[in-house]
Amino acid sequence: MDQLIRPAALLLDFGGVVVATTNRPSWTGELAAELHHDLVAAGCHDLTHDDIVCDLKAAAAADSHWKNAMSRPAAPVEMTAHRYWTEFVAADWPPAARAFVTAHALTLCHRQGELRQDRETRPGIDGLLDAADRYGLPVAVVSNALSGSVHRDYLRNTGLEKRFALQVYSDEAGVRKPNPEMIHLAARALDVPASRTWYVGDNFDRDVLCGRRAGVGASVLMEARGTYERPYVVRVRPDAVVADPYALRDLLVAACARPGTGADGAA
């Protein structure tokens, strides 16, 4: 592995890097129960709880295929909350029920995000952020999300929010990785050239490719659940592969503390 440049900023994916996620199989039943209650209260009686569960599962599966497909275009846009609920979930619902979820799409996406996964901060994140602080490097989250507000809530509730200079989420930006604009948005906000950043993610087709397209100084792959379950052949390769935040911290310290290396990364 070639020596990596000394970064001027560190950009991290959320799921798989900052946090480890575990899927909750019960989420469709829980969300369907809440939504069925609200629909009935609004006068929409045509859908059963089981109808809603079926369509939530179908929408999630269709969305997963869509996300894989969106790793191929050069500049993919993000799915909107309204499109997700209107077209992926409720395309064949009665008009009143469809209008209800369309009107409440943002709230429903947030609630789905809360219920769908359990999240736990990956061990070693604090040490990584401490190392970045020690070398004066701003750290930003750059992540795809159907509801970035769920991630913001997590960082706020765990006290990690103050450790990040910036959070960029695809639903708020309107574009999604591997669209390089995701990284360029963060770089511009931090007033750092993309070529002086490291981008760290856990997927080849979204993260490593995004880093390559954006021209980052180093595209680093952090191993997580699903990292090697690539949907198709992805020809890009990362500049480095790390097992966890501890290993990323060591890589960062080595790049920043290398004798003869200045702030611009040149030896």
Protein backbone atom coordinates (compact mmCIF):
# COMPACT_ATOMS: atom_id res chain seq x y z
CA MET A 1 0.00 0.00 0.00
CA ASP A 2 1.39 3.42 -0.99
CA GLN A 3 1.64 6.04 1.71
CA LEU A 4 -1.49 8.17 1.88
CA ILE A 5 -1.47 11.95 1.77
CA ARG A 6 -1.87 13.88 4.99
CA PRO A 7 -5.52 14.95 4.80
CA ALA A 8 -6.83 18.44 5.47
CA ALA A 9 -10.25 17.02 6.37
CA LEU A 10 -11.79 13.64 7.11
CA LEU A 11 -15.15 12.72 5.56
CA LEU A 12 -17.00 9.72 7.00
CA ASP A 13 -20.01 7.69 5.94
CA PHE A 14 -22.59 7.26 8.71
CA GLY A 15 -23.84 3.67 8.61
CA GLY A 16 -20.98 1.18 8.63
CA VAL A 17 -18.36 3.74 9.67
CA VAL A 18 -19.66 5.95 12.48
CA VAL A 19 -22.29 3.42 13.54
CA ALA A 20 -22.92 -0.28 13.14
CA THR A 21 -26.49 -1.09 12.12
CA THR A 22 -28.66 -4.11 12.80
CA ASN A 23 -31.87 -4.64 10.86
CA ARG A 24 -35.08 -5.03 12.86
CA PRO A 25 -37.37 -7.58 11.15
CA SER A 26 -40.35 -6.32 13.17
CA TRP A 27 -40.24 -2.82 11.70
CA THR A 28 -42.87 -3.38 9.01
CA GLY A 29 -45.43 -4.68 11.50
CA GLU A 30 -44.75 -1.84 13.92
CA LEU A 31 -44.95 0.88 11.29
CA ALA A 32 -48.02 -0.71 9.70
CA ALA A 33 -49.81 -0.73 13.06
CA GLU A 34 -49.11 2.98 13.59
CA LEU A 35 -50.03 3.90 10.03
CA HIS A 36 -53.22 1.80 10.05
CA HIS A 37 -54.33 3.56 13.22
CA ASP A 38 -53.71 6.97 11.68
CA LEU A 39 -55.44 6.09 8.42
CA VAL A 40 -58.54 4.85 10.21
CA ALA A 41 -58.57 8.00 12.35
CA ALA A 42 -58.45 10.02 9.13
CA GLY A 43 -61.42 8.12 7.73
CA CYS A 44 -59.49 5.74 5.44
CA HIS A 45 -60.90 2.24 6.07
CA ASP A 46 -59.99 0.37 2.88
CA LEU A 47 -56.60 -1.04 3.92
CA THR A 48 -55.94 -3.73 6.52
CA HIS A 49 -52.86 -3.94 8.67
CA ASP A 50 -51.67 -6.87 6.56
CA ASP A 51 -52.18 -4.90 3.34
CA ILE A 52 -49.90 -2.18 4.67
CA VAL A 53 -47.26 -4.67 5.84
CA CYS A 54 -47.22 -6.26 2.38
CA ASP A 55 -46.72 -2.93 0.63
CA LEU A 56 -44.08 -1.73 3.09
CA LYS A 57 -42.06 -4.89 2.40
CA ALA A 58 -42.52 -4.52 -1.35
CA ALA A 59 -41.45 -0.88 -1.24
CA ALA A 60 -38.34 -1.69 0.78
CA ALA A 61 -37.34 -4.41 -1.70
CA ALA A 62 -37.97 -2.17 -4.70
CA ASP A 63 -36.02 0.65 -3.06
CA SER A 64 -33.07 -1.66 -2.46
CA HIS A 65 -32.95 -2.59 -6.16
CA TRP A 66 -33.30 1.09 -7.09
CA LYS A 67 -30.36 2.02 -4.86
CA ASN A 68 -28.18 -0.62 -6.52
CA ALA A 69 -29.16 0.69 -9.95
CA MET A 70 -28.38 4.26 -8.90
CA SER A 71 -24.73 3.36 -8.35
CA ARG A 72 -24.32 3.19 -12.13
CA PRO A 73 -25.25 6.72 -13.34
CA ALA A 74 -22.60 9.42 -13.16
CA ALA A 75 -24.69 11.83 -11.09
CA PRO A 76 -27.65 10.10 -9.43
CA VAL A 77 -30.29 12.11 -7.59
CA GLU A 78 -31.84 10.98 -4.31
CA MET A 79 -35.24 9.44 -3.83
CA THR A 80 -37.63 11.98 -2.30
CA ALA A 81 -39.84 11.11 0.63
CA HIS A 82 -42.90 11.98 -1.40
CA ARG A 83 -41.92 9.74 -4.29
CA TYR A 84 -41.10 6.87 -1.96
CA TRP A 85 -44.48 6.92 -0.25
CA THR A 86 -46.59 7.92 -3.24
CA GLU A 87 -45.04 5.57 -5.82
CA PHE A 88 -43.15 2.82 -3.99
CA VAL A 89 -45.56 2.20 -1.09
CA ALA A 90 -48.98 3.54 -2.05
CA ALA A 91 -49.12 3.44 -5.85
CA ASP A 92 -52.20 1.17 -5.78
CA TRP A 93 -53.85 2.48 -2.63
CA PRO A 94 -57.23 4.20 -2.63
CA PRO A 95 -56.89 7.94 -3.37
CA ALA A 96 -57.63 9.08 0.18
CA ALA A 97 -55.03 6.77 1.74
CA ARG A 98 -52.49 7.69 -0.92
CA ALA A 99 -53.11 11.38 -0.31
CA PHE A 100 -52.64 10.85 3.43
CA VAL A 101 -49.18 9.26 3.15
CA THR A 102 -48.15 11.81 0.53
CA ALA A 103 -49.02 14.62 2.93
CA HIS A 104 -47.12 12.96 5.78
CA ALA A 105 -44.22 11.54 3.74
CA LEU A 106 -41.40 13.31 5.60
CA THR A 107 -42.70 12.22 9.01
CA LEU A 108 -43.27 8.66 7.78
CA CYS A 109 -39.73 8.41 6.36
CA HIS A 110 -38.32 9.57 9.68
CA ARG A 111 -40.39 7.05 11.60
CA GLN A 112 -39.44 4.27 9.20
CA GLY A 113 -35.79 5.13 9.72
CA GLU A 114 -36.20 4.96 13.49
CA LEU A 115 -37.90 1.57 13.39
CA ARG A 116 -36.00 -0.16 10.62
CA GLN A 117 -32.57 -0.45 12.25
CA ASP A 118 -30.86 -0.43 15.61
CA ARG A 119 -27.70 1.69 15.68
CA GLU A 120 -24.64 1.52 17.87
CA THR A 121 -21.56 3.73 17.71
CA ARG A 122 -18.66 1.69 16.38
CA PRO A 123 -15.94 1.14 18.97
CA GLY A 124 -12.96 3.36 18.30
CA ILE A 125 -14.86 6.36 16.94
CA ASP A 126 -13.99 8.52 19.93
CA GLY A 127 -10.29 7.75 19.53
CA LEU A 128 -10.47 8.50 15.80
CA LEU A 129 -12.13 11.87 16.45
CA ASP A 130 -9.59 12.63 19.18
CA ALA A 131 -6.78 11.99 16.69
CA ALA A 132 -8.41 14.27 14.13
CA ASP A 133 -8.71 16.99 16.77
CA ARG A 134 -5.08 16.54 17.72
CA TYR A 135 -3.99 17.25 14.13
CA GLY A 136 -6.51 20.04 13.57
CA LEU A 137 -8.57 18.15 11.01
CA PRO A 138 -12.29 18.90 10.64
CA VAL A 139 -14.47 15.79 10.39
CA ALA A 140 -17.76 15.64 8.47
CA VAL A 141 -20.43 13.02 7.93
CA VAL A 142 -21.29 12.46 4.25
CA SER A 143 -24.00 9.84 3.92
CA ASN A 144 -26.89 8.60 1.82
CA ALA A 145 -30.15 8.67 3.75
CA LEU A 146 -33.86 8.59 3.05
CA SER A 147 -34.22 10.58 6.27
CA GLY A 148 -31.03 12.25 7.42
CA SER A 149 -32.91 13.64 10.42
CA VAL A 150 -32.75 10.15 11.96
CA HIS A 151 -28.94 10.27 11.80
CA ARG A 152 -28.89 13.81 13.15
CA ASP A 153 -31.04 12.70 16.10
CA TYR A 154 -28.69 9.80 16.81
CA LEU A 155 -25.61 12.01 16.88
CA ARG A 156 -27.40 14.58 19.03
CA ASN A 157 -28.71 12.00 21.50
CA THR A 158 -25.32 10.27 21.86
CA GLY A 159 -23.41 13.52 22.29
CA LEU A 160 -21.41 12.97 19.11
CA GLU A 161 -22.96 15.87 17.20
CA LYS A 162 -20.47 18.38 18.57
CA ARG A 163 -17.55 16.27 17.34
CA PHE A 164 -18.48 16.85 13.68
CA ALA A 165 -17.96 20.10 11.82
CA LEU A 166 -20.64 19.25 9.26
CA GLN A 167 -23.27 16.67 8.29
CA VAL A 168 -24.28 16.18 4.65
CA TYR A 169 -27.20 13.83 3.91
CA SER A 170 -28.45 12.89 0.48
CA ASP A 171 -32.14 13.51 1.17
CA GLU A 172 -31.31 17.08 2.14
CA ALA A 173 -28.85 17.60 -0.73
CA GLY A 174 -31.09 16.06 -3.40
CA VAL A 175 -28.24 13.92 -4.77
CA ARG A 176 -26.85 10.60 -3.59
CA LYS A 177 -23.51 8.82 -3.65
CA PRO A 178 -21.75 7.94 -5.89
CA ASN A 179 -22.66 11.38 -7.19
CA PRO A 180 -19.40 13.27 -6.48
CA GLU A 181 -21.41 16.37 -5.56
CA MET A 182 -22.00 14.80 -2.13
CA ILE A 183 -18.28 15.05 -1.36
CA HIS A 184 -17.89 18.38 -3.16
CA LEU A 185 -20.66 19.88 -0.99
CA ALA A 186 -18.77 18.91 2.15
CA ALA A 187 -15.40 20.05 0.79
CA ARG A 188 -16.77 23.45 -0.19
CA ALA A 189 -18.45 23.92 3.19
CA LEU A 190 -15.18 23.07 4.96
CA ASP A 191 -13.19 25.25 2.51
CA VAL A 192 -10.91 22.32 1.72
CA PRO A 193 -10.19 20.98 -1.79
CA ALA A 194 -11.66 17.51 -2.30
CA SER A 195 -8.16 16.42 -3.32
CA ARG A 196 -6.99 17.13 0.23
CA THR A 197 -9.65 14.97 1.92
CA TRP A 198 -10.00 11.32 2.83
CA TYR A 199 -13.40 9.80 2.22
CA VAL A 200 -14.20 6.70 4.29
CA GLY A 201 -17.14 4.41 3.53
CA ASP A 202 -18.12 0.76 3.73
CA ASN A 203 -19.32 0.08 0.15
CA PHE A 204 -17.45 -0.26 -3.12
CA ASP A 205 -20.28 0.85 -5.42
CA ARG A 206 -21.35 3.94 -3.50
CA ASP A 207 -18.43 5.03 -1.33
CA VAL A 208 -15.19 4.04 -3.05
CA LEU A 209 -16.65 5.00 -6.41
CA CYS A 210 -17.89 8.33 -5.05
CA GLY A 211 -14.44 9.11 -3.71
CA ARG A 212 -12.85 8.31 -7.05
CA ARG A 213 -15.35 10.44 -8.95
CA ALA A 214 -14.86 13.35 -6.56
CA GLY A 215 -11.07 13.18 -6.82
CA VAL A 216 -10.41 12.76 -3.12
CA GLY A 217 -6.88 12.43 -1.81
CA ALA A 218 -7.63 8.93 -0.49
CA SER A 219 -10.66 6.69 -0.77
CA VAL A 220 -10.67 4.39 2.25
CA LEU A 221 -12.88 1.32 2.64
CA MET A 222 -13.92 0.38 6.17
CA GLU A 223 -15.18 -3.16 6.51
CA ALA A 224 -18.70 -3.61 7.85
CA ARG A 225 -21.68 -5.90 7.46
CA GLY A 226 -22.34 -6.24 3.74
CA THR A 227 -19.13 -4.61 2.51
CA TYR A 228 -18.25 -7.49 0.22
CA GLU A 229 -21.81 -8.19 -0.93
CA ARG A 230 -21.38 -6.15 -4.09
CA PRO A 231 -24.47 -6.00 -6.35
CA TYR A 232 -22.26 -6.31 -9.44
CA VAL A 233 -18.63 -5.96 -10.48
CA VAL A 234 -17.25 -2.61 -9.38
CA ARG A 235 -13.89 -1.91 -11.00
CA VAL A 236 -12.68 0.79 -8.63
CA ARG A 237 -10.37 -0.12 -5.77
CA PRO A 238 -9.80 1.76 -2.50
CA ASP A 239 -6.48 3.33 -1.59
CA ALA A 240 -6.65 1.54 1.76
CA VAL A 241 -8.84 -0.99 3.56
CA VAL A 242 -9.34 -0.83 7.33
CA ALA A 243 -11.21 -3.19 9.62
CA ASP A 244 -12.64 -0.61 12.02
CA PRO A 245 -12.26 2.91 13.44
CA TYR A 246 -9.23 1.81 15.47
CA ALA A 247 -7.38 0.88 12.29
CA LEU A 248 -8.49 4.10 10.60
CA ARG A 249 -7.12 6.09 13.54
CA ASP A 250 -3.77 4.33 13.18
CA LEU A 251 -3.74 5.04 9.44
CA LEU A 252 -4.55 8.70 10.09
CA VAL A 253 -1.88 9.09 12.76
CA ALA A 254 0.70 7.47 10.51
CA ALA A 255 -0.11 9.90 7.67
CA CYS A 256 -0.16 12.97 9.92
CA ALA A 257 2.88 12.15 12.03
CA ARG A 258 5.15 10.94 9.24
CA PRO A 259 8.49 12.77 9.54
CA GLY A 260 9.00 15.40 6.91
CA THR A 261 5.31 15.65 6.03
CA GLY A 262 3.87 19.13 6.10
CA ALA A 263 0.31 20.34 6.29
CA ASP A 264 0.01 20.05 2.51
CA GLY A 265 0.87 16.35 2.66
CA ALA A 266 4.12 16.72 0.69
CA ALA A 267 7.25 15.06 1.95
